[in-house]
C-alpha atoms as a PDB file:
ATOM      1  CA  MET A   1      39.420 -23.438 -15.722  1.00  0.00           C
ATOM      2  CA  GLU A   2      42.183 -20.832 -15.647  1.00  0.00           C
ATOM      3  CA  MET A   3      40.495 -19.019 -12.752  1.00  0.00           C
ATOM      4  CA  PHE A   4      40.336 -22.298 -10.810  1.00  0.00           C
ATOM      5  CA  ILE A   5      44.093 -22.790 -11.298  1.00  0.00           C
ATOM      6  CA  ASP A   6      44.736 -19.222 -10.089  1.00  0.00           C
ATOM      7  CA  TYR A   7      42.676 -19.853  -6.951  1.00  0.00           C
ATOM      8  CA  LEU A   8      44.470 -23.142  -6.415  1.00  0.00           C
ATOM      9  CA  TRP A   9      47.867 -21.417  -6.497  1.00  0.00           C
ATOM     10  CA  VAL A  10      46.628 -18.738  -4.101  1.00  0.00           C
ATOM     11  CA  PHE A  11      45.442 -21.464  -1.735  1.00  0.00           C
ATOM     12  CA  ILE A  12      48.691 -23.437  -2.011  1.00  0.00           C
ATOM     13  CA  ILE A  13      51.022 -20.460  -1.475  1.00  0.00           C
ATOM     14  CA  GLY A  14      48.923 -19.000   1.351  1.00  0.00           C
ATOM     15  CA  GLY A  15      48.695 -22.449   2.917  1.00  0.00           C
ATOM     16  CA  LEU A  16      52.466 -22.861   2.727  1.00  0.00           C
ATOM     17  CA  VAL A  17      52.992 -19.539   4.476  1.00  0.00           C
ATOM     18  CA  CYS A  18      50.592 -20.570   7.240  1.00  0.00           C
ATOM     19  CA  MET A  19      52.140 -24.036   7.429  1.00  0.00           C
ATOM     20  CA  ILE A  20      55.597 -22.533   7.940  1.00  0.00           C
ATOM     21  CA  GLY A  21      54.208 -20.414  10.779  1.00  0.00           C
ATOM     22  CA  GLU A  22      52.567 -23.437  12.408  1.00  0.00           C
ATOM     23  CA  ILE A  23      55.727 -25.515  12.082  1.00  0.00           C
ATOM     24  CA  LEU A  24      57.700 -22.744  13.778  1.00  0.00           C
ATOM     25  CA  ILE A  25      55.140 -22.512  16.591  1.00  0.00           C
ATOM     26  CA  ILE A  26      55.016 -26.276  17.173  1.00  0.00           C
ATOM     27  CA  THR A  27      58.678 -27.214  16.807  1.00  0.00           C
ATOM     28  CA  THR A  28      60.482 -24.223  18.330  1.00  0.00           C
ATOM     29  CA  ASN A  29      60.255 -22.098  21.441  1.00  0.00           C
ATOM     30  CA  ILE A  30      59.831 -18.952  19.343  1.00  0.00           C
ATOM     31  CA  THR A  31      56.853 -16.908  20.470  1.00  0.00           C
ATOM     32  CA  SER A  32      54.037 -16.075  18.057  1.00  0.00           C
ATOM     33  CA  ALA A  33      54.967 -12.395  18.228  1.00  0.00           C
ATOM     34  CA  ARG A  34      58.529 -13.109  17.082  1.00  0.00           C
ATOM     35  CA  ILE A  35      57.247 -15.278  14.241  1.00  0.00           C
ATOM     36  CA  LEU A  36      54.952 -12.411  13.219  1.00  0.00           C
ATOM     37  CA  VAL A  37      57.872  -9.981  13.172  1.00  0.00           C
ATOM     38  CA  THR A  38      59.943 -12.499  11.213  1.00  0.00           C
ATOM     39  CA  PHE A  39      57.229 -12.737   8.548  1.00  0.00           C
ATOM     40  CA  VAL A  40      57.044  -8.935   8.317  1.00  0.00           C
ATOM     41  CA  LEU A  41      60.819  -8.811   7.870  1.00  0.00           C
ATOM     42  CA  VAL A  42      60.639 -11.511   5.178  1.00  0.00           C
ATOM     43  CA  GLY A  43      58.177  -9.298   3.302  1.00  0.00           C
ATOM     44  CA  VAL A  44      60.443  -6.274   3.708  1.00  0.00           C
ATOM     45  CA  PHE A  45      63.437  -8.288   2.491  1.00  0.00           C
ATOM     46  CA  LEU A  46      61.589  -9.700  -0.516  1.00  0.00           C
ATOM     47  CA  GLU A  47      60.447  -6.206  -1.505  1.00  0.00           C
ATOM     48  CA  ALA A  48      63.903  -4.692  -0.940  1.00  0.00           C
ATOM     49  CA  VAL A  49      65.610  -7.190  -3.243  1.00  0.00           C
ATOM     50  CA  GLY A  50      62.847  -6.810  -5.839  1.00  0.00           C
ATOM     51  CA  VAL A  51      61.476 -10.355  -5.717  1.00  0.00           C
ATOM     52  CA  PHE A  52      58.131  -9.753  -4.018  1.00  0.00           C
ATOM     53  CA  ASP A  53      56.358  -8.425  -7.122  1.00  0.00           C
ATOM     54  CA  TYR A  54      57.236 -11.559  -9.090  1.00  0.00           C
ATOM     55  CA  ILE A  55      55.927 -13.782  -6.301  1.00  0.00           C
ATOM     56  CA  SER A  56      52.846 -11.584  -5.973  1.00  0.00           C
ATOM     57  CA  ASP A  57      52.098 -11.844  -9.688  1.00  0.00           C
ATOM     58  CA  PHE A  58      52.180 -15.618  -9.392  1.00  0.00           C
ATOM     59  CA  ALA A  59      50.644 -16.183  -5.945  1.00  0.00           C
ATOM     60  CA  GLY A  60      48.267 -13.197  -5.698  1.00  0.00           C
ATOM     61  CA  ALA A  61      46.408 -13.026  -2.404  1.00  0.00           C
ATOM     62  CA  GLY A  62      48.263 -16.118  -1.163  1.00  0.00           C
ATOM     63  CA  ILE A  63      51.291 -13.941  -0.456  1.00  0.00           C
ATOM     64  CA  ASN A  64      49.651 -10.491  -0.201  1.00  0.00           C
ATOM     65  CA  VAL A  65      47.052 -11.241   2.461  1.00  0.00           C
ATOM     66  CA  PRO A  66      49.348 -12.816   5.086  1.00  0.00           C
ATOM     67  CA  ILE A  67      51.556 -10.530   7.128  1.00  0.00           C
ATOM     68  CA  ILE A  68      54.344 -10.926   4.558  1.00  0.00           C
ATOM     69  CA  GLY A  69      52.345  -8.656   2.231  1.00  0.00           C
ATOM     70  CA  PHE A  70      52.125  -6.034   4.970  1.00  0.00           C
ATOM     71  CA  GLY A  71      55.897  -6.048   5.322  1.00  0.00           C
ATOM     72  CA  ALA A  72      56.298  -5.659   1.578  1.00  0.00           C
ATOM     73  CA  SER A  73      53.842  -2.734   1.600  1.00  0.00           C
ATOM     74  CA  LEU A  74      55.841  -1.047   4.360  1.00  0.00           C
ATOM     75  CA  ALA A  75      59.051  -1.445   2.384  1.00  0.00           C
ATOM     76  CA  LYS A  76      57.482  -0.317  -0.905  1.00  0.00           C
ATOM     77  CA  GLY A  77      56.120   2.821   0.785  1.00  0.00           C
ATOM     78  CA  ALA A  78      59.455   3.591   2.440  1.00  0.00           C
ATOM     79  CA  ILE A  79      61.405   3.069  -0.794  1.00  0.00           C
ATOM     80  CA  GLY A  80      59.010   5.304  -2.733  1.00  0.00           C
ATOM     81  CA  ALA A  81      59.099   8.020  -0.077  1.00  0.00           C
ATOM     82  CA  VAL A  82      62.891   7.999   0.074  1.00  0.00           C
ATOM     83  CA  LYS A  83      63.006   8.496  -3.696  1.00  0.00           C
ATOM     84  CA  SER A  84      60.602  11.445  -3.534  1.00  0.00           C
ATOM     85  CA  GLN A  85      61.292  13.031  -0.128  1.00  0.00           C
ATOM     86  CA  GLY A  86      64.814  11.989   0.731  1.00  0.00           C
ATOM     87  CA  LEU A  87      66.014  10.353   3.909  1.00  0.00           C
ATOM     88  CA  LEU A  88      62.984  11.478   5.935  1.00  0.00           C
ATOM     89  CA  GLY A  89      60.877   9.155   3.779  1.00  0.00           C
ATOM     90  CA  ILE A  90      62.282   6.168   5.688  1.00  0.00           C
ATOM     91  CA  PHE A  91      60.100   7.138   8.631  1.00  0.00           C
ATOM     92  CA  THR A  92      57.006   8.386   6.828  1.00  0.00           C
ATOM     93  CA  GLY A  93      56.687   6.280   3.678  1.00  0.00           C
ATOM     94  CA  GLY A  94      55.848   2.919   5.225  1.00  0.00           C
ATOM     95  CA  LEU A  95      53.151   4.316   7.464  1.00  0.00           C
ATOM     96  CA  THR A  96      51.664   6.391   4.656  1.00  0.00           C
ATOM     97  CA  ALA A  97      51.464   3.336   2.405  1.00  0.00           C
ATOM     98  CA  THR A  98      49.773   1.182   5.039  1.00  0.00           C
ATOM     99  CA  ALA A  99      47.690   3.801   6.864  1.00  0.00           C
ATOM    100  CA  GLY A 100      44.384   2.534   5.447  1.00  0.00           C
ATOM    101  CA  GLY A 101      44.999  -1.026   6.617  1.00  0.00           C
ATOM    102  CA  ILE A 102      46.199   0.075  10.040  1.00  0.00           C
ATOM    103  CA  ALA A 103      43.179   2.362  10.507  1.00  0.00           C
ATOM    104  CA  ALA A 104      40.795  -0.409   9.433  1.00  0.00           C
ATOM    105  CA  ALA A 105      42.407  -2.843  11.885  1.00  0.00           C
ATOM    106  CA  ILE A 106      42.026  -0.366  14.748  1.00  0.00           C
ATOM    107  CA  ILE A 107      38.404   0.456  13.894  1.00  0.00           C
ATOM    108  CA  PHE A 108      37.363  -3.184  13.500  1.00  0.00           C
ATOM    109  CA  ALA A 109      39.197  -4.157  16.700  1.00  0.00           C
ATOM    110  CA  PHE A 110      37.295  -1.446  18.567  1.00  0.00           C
ATOM    111  CA  ILE A 111      33.946  -2.549  17.106  1.00  0.00           C
ATOM    112  CA  PHE A 112      34.557  -6.198  17.987  1.00  0.00           C
ATOM    113  CA  ALA A 113      35.704  -5.223  21.478  1.00  0.00           C
ATOM    114  CA  LEU A 114      32.347  -3.487  21.965  1.00  0.00           C
ATOM    115  CA  ILE A 115      30.350  -6.439  20.606  1.00  0.00           C
ATOM    116  CA  PHE A 116      32.146  -9.323  22.308  1.00  0.00           C
ATOM    117  CA  HIS A 117      33.078  -9.619  25.962  1.00  0.00           C
ATOM    118  CA  SER A 118      36.820 -10.065  26.097  1.00  0.00           C
ATOM    119  CA  HIS A 119      38.725 -11.184  29.147  1.00  0.00           C
ATOM    120  CA  THR A 120      42.191 -12.342  30.026  1.00  0.00           C
ATOM    121  CA  LYS A 121      43.071 -16.005  30.359  1.00  0.00           C
ATOM    122  CA  LYS A 122      43.519 -17.367  33.849  1.00  0.00           C
END
């Protein structure tokens, strides 16, 4: 039963994140790209103030899988690299921490581009 409750919280928190994105798309003139960047910045902010780990412990994949988790990973990598490498870590830490996810996204995008016929909208 405890596992069911954990999955329920993951679903609720992840659903709320997606619902906020949909509300922004429907009710405002903000483009999807700007909403995406806003969610990344929310993740960076939550990690910078030290709140993201508490939310992540509670919500699990509901907050880690959406783009907010990517922003938090960028910030966590940059903060760790600054502590170990100095100011240069601002530029290298975030990319080092998320390199696996970025590489996987590029590889899978290439594979799907080969499999499916993509075209621009008219």
